[in-house]
Amino acid sequence: MLTDVSLTLWVNGDLIRRTLPASTSLLDLLREHLGLTGSKRGCDLGDCGACTVLVNGVPRLSCITLAADMAGEEVRTVDAVEPDHPLVRAFDKHVAAQCGFCTPGFVMNLSALLEEDPHPDDGAIREALGANICRCTGYTKILAAAREAAGRGA
């Protein structure tokens, strides 16, 4: 028998209180209950990275994270990323998003990297990019955008 859980957490700076089935994923909470559709449902297995959010500043795959485990935590989604954020500007400049489905995950992983190290080297950038799968590109433009956002040019 499934039970409901009461949950209080912070999402994009807002205090959220919900009662949900215990089996609700963080991705379902965000998309279906809060209307935050920026995080994408890709594989539902934690392999593609399209659902990546930041939990207390650390990338987390929301499709395989139970919402109930996020009680008291601070969740940030791509929906909170401002249009003038350096990553968004760099992705636009380098046309790093083709279909755009994977872009939220890349932005969130790279955002976490740049918050930790504002000027990462290519090895660190590639490691952060390795958490996401893009089926449209060869990652060249995404790497160029990440370098740009890190202040290193393309």
C-alpha atoms as a PDB file:
ATOM      1  CA  MET A   1       0.000   0.000   0.000  1.00  0.00           C
ATOM      2  CA  LEU A   2       1.363   3.397  -1.024  1.00  0.00           C
ATOM      3  CA  THR A   3       1.301   6.109   1.547  1.00  0.00           C
ATOM      4  CA  ASP A   4       1.409   9.839   1.205  1.00  0.00           C
ATOM      5  CA  VAL A   5       4.190  11.983   2.621  1.00  0.00           C
ATOM      6  CA  SER A   6       4.122  15.614   3.658  1.00  0.00           C
ATOM      7  CA  LEU A   7       7.034  17.493   2.218  1.00  0.00           C
ATOM      8  CA  THR A   8       8.513  20.936   2.750  1.00  0.00           C
ATOM      9  CA  LEU A   9      11.424  22.098   0.597  1.00  0.00           C
ATOM     10  CA  TRP A  10      12.743  25.126  -1.225  1.00  0.00           C
ATOM     11  CA  VAL A  11      12.401  25.228  -5.011  1.00  0.00           C
ATOM     12  CA  ASN A  12      13.956  28.120  -6.910  1.00  0.00           C
ATOM     13  CA  GLY A  13      13.841  30.205  -3.759  1.00  0.00           C
ATOM     14  CA  ASP A  14      10.205  29.481  -2.912  1.00  0.00           C
ATOM     15  CA  LEU A  15       9.100  27.472   0.107  1.00  0.00           C
ATOM     16  CA  ILE A  16       6.972  24.566  -1.123  1.00  0.00           C
ATOM     17  CA  ARG A  17       4.666  22.408   1.006  1.00  0.00           C
ATOM     18  CA  ARG A  18       2.960  19.418  -0.573  1.00  0.00           C
ATOM     19  CA  THR A  19       1.465  16.076   0.355  1.00  0.00           C
ATOM     20  CA  LEU A  20       2.365  13.515  -2.286  1.00  0.00           C
ATOM     21  CA  PRO A  21       2.453   9.771  -2.810  1.00  0.00           C
ATOM     22  CA  ALA A  22       5.716   8.481  -1.322  1.00  0.00           C
ATOM     23  CA  SER A  23       6.736   7.154  -4.746  1.00  0.00           C
ATOM     24  CA  THR A  24       6.679  10.583  -6.451  1.00  0.00           C
ATOM     25  CA  SER A  25       9.951  11.443  -8.135  1.00  0.00           C
ATOM     26  CA  LEU A  26      11.471  14.872  -7.797  1.00  0.00           C
ATOM     27  CA  LEU A  27      11.001  15.297 -11.547  1.00  0.00           C
ATOM     28  CA  ASP A  28       7.272  14.577 -11.239  1.00  0.00           C
ATOM     29  CA  LEU A  29       6.977  17.012  -8.340  1.00  0.00           C
ATOM     30  CA  LEU A  30       8.643  19.717 -10.404  1.00  0.00           C
ATOM     31  CA  ARG A  31       6.845  19.123 -13.682  1.00  0.00           C
ATOM     32  CA  GLU A  32       3.408  17.838 -12.695  1.00  0.00           C
ATOM     33  CA  HIS A  33       2.796  19.457  -9.325  1.00  0.00           C
ATOM     34  CA  LEU A  34       4.703  22.736  -9.619  1.00  0.00           C
ATOM     35  CA  GLY A  35       4.499  23.381 -13.371  1.00  0.00           C
ATOM     36  CA  LEU A  36       8.278  23.735 -13.712  1.00  0.00           C
ATOM     37  CA  THR A  37       8.757  22.053 -17.064  1.00  0.00           C
ATOM     38  CA  GLY A  38      12.320  23.126 -17.815  1.00  0.00           C
ATOM     39  CA  SER A  39      13.785  19.884 -16.472  1.00  0.00           C
ATOM     40  CA  LYS A  40      13.094  17.249 -19.102  1.00  0.00           C
ATOM     41  CA  ARG A  41      12.009  13.645 -18.842  1.00  0.00           C
ATOM     42  CA  GLY A  42      14.422  11.742 -21.037  1.00  0.00           C
ATOM     43  CA  CYS A  43      15.311   8.199 -20.103  1.00  0.00           C
ATOM     44  CA  ASP A  44      13.701   7.901 -16.632  1.00  0.00           C
ATOM     45  CA  LEU A  45      16.756   5.821 -15.676  1.00  0.00           C
ATOM     46  CA  GLY A  46      19.289   8.468 -14.697  1.00  0.00           C
ATOM     47  CA  ASP A  47      21.376   7.947 -17.819  1.00  0.00           C
ATOM     48  CA  CYS A  48      20.752  10.971 -20.049  1.00  0.00           C
ATOM     49  CA  GLY A  49      20.974  13.945 -17.674  1.00  0.00           C
ATOM     50  CA  ALA A  50      18.083  15.913 -19.203  1.00  0.00           C
ATOM     51  CA  CYS A  51      16.387  16.064 -15.787  1.00  0.00           C
ATOM     52  CA  THR A  52      19.402  17.455 -13.900  1.00  0.00           C
ATOM     53  CA  VAL A  53      18.659  19.940 -11.127  1.00  0.00           C
ATOM     54  CA  LEU A  54      20.845  21.317  -8.362  1.00  0.00           C
ATOM     55  CA  VAL A  55      20.189  20.186  -4.797  1.00  0.00           C
ATOM     56  CA  ASN A  56      22.062  22.441  -2.399  1.00  0.00           C
ATOM     57  CA  GLY A  57      24.251  23.400  -5.367  1.00  0.00           C
ATOM     58  CA  VAL A  58      25.110  19.823  -6.382  1.00  0.00           C
ATOM     59  CA  PRO A  59      23.814  18.272  -9.646  1.00  0.00           C
ATOM     60  CA  ARG A  60      21.180  15.598  -9.083  1.00  0.00           C
ATOM     61  CA  LEU A  61      19.160  13.472 -11.496  1.00  0.00           C
ATOM     62  CA  SER A  62      15.587  14.321 -10.600  1.00  0.00           C
ATOM     63  CA  CYS A  63      14.053  11.344 -12.430  1.00  0.00           C
ATOM     64  CA  ILE A  64      15.645   8.869 -10.010  1.00  0.00           C
ATOM     65  CA  THR A  65      15.383  11.000  -6.872  1.00  0.00           C
ATOM     66  CA  LEU A  66      12.376  10.618  -4.617  1.00  0.00           C
ATOM     67  CA  ALA A  67      10.715  13.920  -3.816  1.00  0.00           C
ATOM     68  CA  ALA A  68      10.291  12.722  -0.213  1.00  0.00           C
ATOM     69  CA  ASP A  69      14.088  12.599   0.140  1.00  0.00           C
ATOM     70  CA  MET A  70      14.257  16.327  -0.602  1.00  0.00           C
ATOM     71  CA  ALA A  71      12.577  17.455   2.619  1.00  0.00           C
ATOM     72  CA  GLY A  72      14.265  20.633   3.822  1.00  0.00           C
ATOM     73  CA  GLU A  73      16.585  20.793   0.825  1.00  0.00           C
ATOM     74  CA  GLU A  74      17.110  23.621  -1.645  1.00  0.00           C
ATOM     75  CA  VAL A  75      16.353  22.623  -5.238  1.00  0.00           C
ATOM     76  CA  ARG A  76      17.234  24.852  -8.177  1.00  0.00           C
ATOM     77  CA  THR A  77      15.964  24.121 -11.671  1.00  0.00           C
ATOM     78  CA  VAL A  78      16.770  25.518 -15.075  1.00  0.00           C
ATOM     79  CA  ASP A  79      13.494  27.436 -14.830  1.00  0.00           C
ATOM     80  CA  ALA A  80      15.258  29.809 -12.415  1.00  0.00           C
ATOM     81  CA  VAL A  81      18.205  30.507 -14.735  1.00  0.00           C
ATOM     82  CA  GLU A  82      17.926  34.069 -16.005  1.00  0.00           C
ATOM     83  CA  PRO A  83      18.022  34.708 -19.767  1.00  0.00           C
ATOM     84  CA  ASP A  84      21.114  36.900 -19.326  1.00  0.00           C
ATOM     85  CA  HIS A  85      23.054  34.206 -17.427  1.00  0.00           C
ATOM     86  CA  PRO A  86      26.515  33.787 -19.008  1.00  0.00           C
ATOM     87  CA  LEU A  87      25.762  30.149 -19.910  1.00  0.00           C
ATOM     88  CA  VAL A  88      22.524  31.056 -21.650  1.00  0.00           C
ATOM     89  CA  ARG A  89      24.234  33.860 -23.585  1.00  0.00           C
ATOM     90  CA  ALA A  90      27.112  31.547 -24.529  1.00  0.00           C
ATOM     91  CA  PHE A  91      24.758  28.744 -25.634  1.00  0.00           C
ATOM     92  CA  ASP A  92      22.916  31.274 -27.818  1.00  0.00           C
ATOM     93  CA  LYS A  93      26.107  32.778 -29.243  1.00  0.00           C
ATOM     94  CA  HIS A  94      27.606  29.391 -30.162  1.00  0.00           C
ATOM     95  CA  VAL A  95      24.287  27.823 -31.220  1.00  0.00           C
ATOM     96  CA  ALA A  96      25.073  25.063 -28.739  1.00  0.00           C
ATOM     97  CA  ALA A  97      21.490  23.837 -28.559  1.00  0.00           C
ATOM     98  CA  GLN A  98      20.018  22.131 -31.571  1.00  0.00           C
ATOM     99  CA  CYS A  99      16.751  20.501 -30.548  1.00  0.00           C
ATOM    100  CA  GLY A 100      17.278  21.896 -27.021  1.00  0.00           C
ATOM    101  CA  PHE A 101      15.957  18.862 -25.170  1.00  0.00           C
ATOM    102  CA  CYS A 102      19.243  18.140 -23.395  1.00  0.00           C
ATOM    103  CA  THR A 103      20.155  21.792 -22.847  1.00  0.00           C
ATOM    104  CA  PRO A 104      18.607  22.156 -19.363  1.00  0.00           C
ATOM    105  CA  GLY A 105      20.801  19.366 -18.034  1.00  0.00           C
ATOM    106  CA  PHE A 106      23.919  20.831 -19.600  1.00  0.00           C
ATOM    107  CA  VAL A 107      23.116  24.271 -18.209  1.00  0.00           C
ATOM    108  CA  MET A 108      22.566  22.923 -14.708  1.00  0.00           C
ATOM    109  CA  ASN A 109      25.726  20.774 -14.659  1.00  0.00           C
ATOM    110  CA  LEU A 110      27.846  23.576 -16.099  1.00  0.00           C
ATOM    111  CA  SER A 111      26.256  26.089 -13.725  1.00  0.00           C
ATOM    112  CA  ALA A 112      27.316  23.950 -10.756  1.00  0.00           C
ATOM    113  CA  LEU A 113      30.819  23.622 -12.197  1.00  0.00           C
ATOM    114  CA  LEU A 114      31.184  27.373 -12.741  1.00  0.00           C
ATOM    115  CA  GLU A 115      29.914  28.132  -9.242  1.00  0.00           C
ATOM    116  CA  GLU A 116      32.579  25.819  -7.829  1.00  0.00           C
ATOM    117  CA  ASP A 117      35.351  26.894 -10.243  1.00  0.00           C
ATOM    118  CA  PRO A 118      34.690  30.064 -12.284  1.00  0.00           C
ATOM    119  CA  HIS A 119      37.562  29.248 -14.671  1.00  0.00           C
ATOM    120  CA  PRO A 120      37.641  25.461 -15.143  1.00  0.00           C
ATOM    121  CA  ASP A 121      40.044  23.812 -17.559  1.00  0.00           C
ATOM    122  CA  ASP A 122      38.862  21.640 -20.440  1.00  0.00           C
ATOM    123  CA  GLY A 123      39.191  18.472 -18.363  1.00  0.00           C
ATOM    124  CA  ALA A 124      36.769  19.763 -15.747  1.00  0.00           C
ATOM    125  CA  ILE A 125      34.379  21.045 -18.414  1.00  0.00           C
ATOM    126  CA  ARG A 126      34.433  17.712 -20.234  1.00  0.00           C
ATOM    127  CA  GLU A 127      33.797  15.866 -16.969  1.00  0.00           C
ATOM    128  CA  ALA A 128      30.757  18.063 -16.285  1.00  0.00           C
ATOM    129  CA  LEU A 129      29.528  17.578 -19.862  1.00  0.00           C
ATOM    130  CA  GLY A 130      29.938  13.808 -19.500  1.00  0.00           C
ATOM    131  CA  ALA A 131      26.903  13.667 -17.228  1.00  0.00           C
ATOM    132  CA  ASN A 132      24.595  14.494 -20.153  1.00  0.00           C
ATOM    133  CA  ILE A 133      23.794  12.870 -23.460  1.00  0.00           C
ATOM    134  CA  CYS A 134      23.086  14.947 -26.544  1.00  0.00           C
ATOM    135  CA  ARG A 135      21.881  13.086 -29.590  1.00  0.00           C
ATOM    136  CA  CYS A 136      22.086  16.068 -31.965  1.00  0.00           C
ATOM    137  CA  THR A 137      25.615  17.445 -31.669  1.00  0.00           C
ATOM    138  CA  GLY A 138      29.197  16.363 -31.434  1.00  0.00           C
ATOM    139  CA  TYR A 139      29.481  18.507 -28.286  1.00  0.00           C
ATOM    140  CA  THR A 140      31.887  20.932 -30.024  1.00  0.00           C
ATOM    141  CA  LYS A 141      29.533  23.906 -29.763  1.00  0.00           C
ATOM    142  CA  ILE A 142      28.538  22.979 -26.214  1.00  0.00           C
ATOM    143  CA  LEU A 143      32.224  22.881 -25.216  1.00  0.00           C
ATOM    144  CA  ALA A 144      32.762  26.252 -26.915  1.00  0.00           C
ATOM    145  CA  ALA A 145      29.822  27.711 -24.982  1.00  0.00           C
ATOM    146  CA  ALA A 146      31.173  26.337 -21.709  1.00  0.00           C
ATOM    147  CA  ARG A 147      34.602  27.834 -22.416  1.00  0.00           C
ATOM    148  CA  GLU A 148      32.976  31.170 -23.222  1.00  0.00           C
ATOM    149  CA  ALA A 149      30.965  31.158 -20.001  1.00  0.00           C
ATOM    150  CA  ALA A 150      34.173  30.350 -18.113  1.00  0.00           C
ATOM    151  CA  GLY A 151      35.761  33.470 -19.601  1.00  0.00           C
ATOM    152  CA  ARG A 152      38.174  31.488 -21.748  1.00  0.00           C
ATOM    153  CA  GLY A 153      36.775  32.275 -25.170  1.00  0.00           C
ATOM    154  CA  ALA A 154      35.729  29.527 -27.532  1.00  0.00           C
END
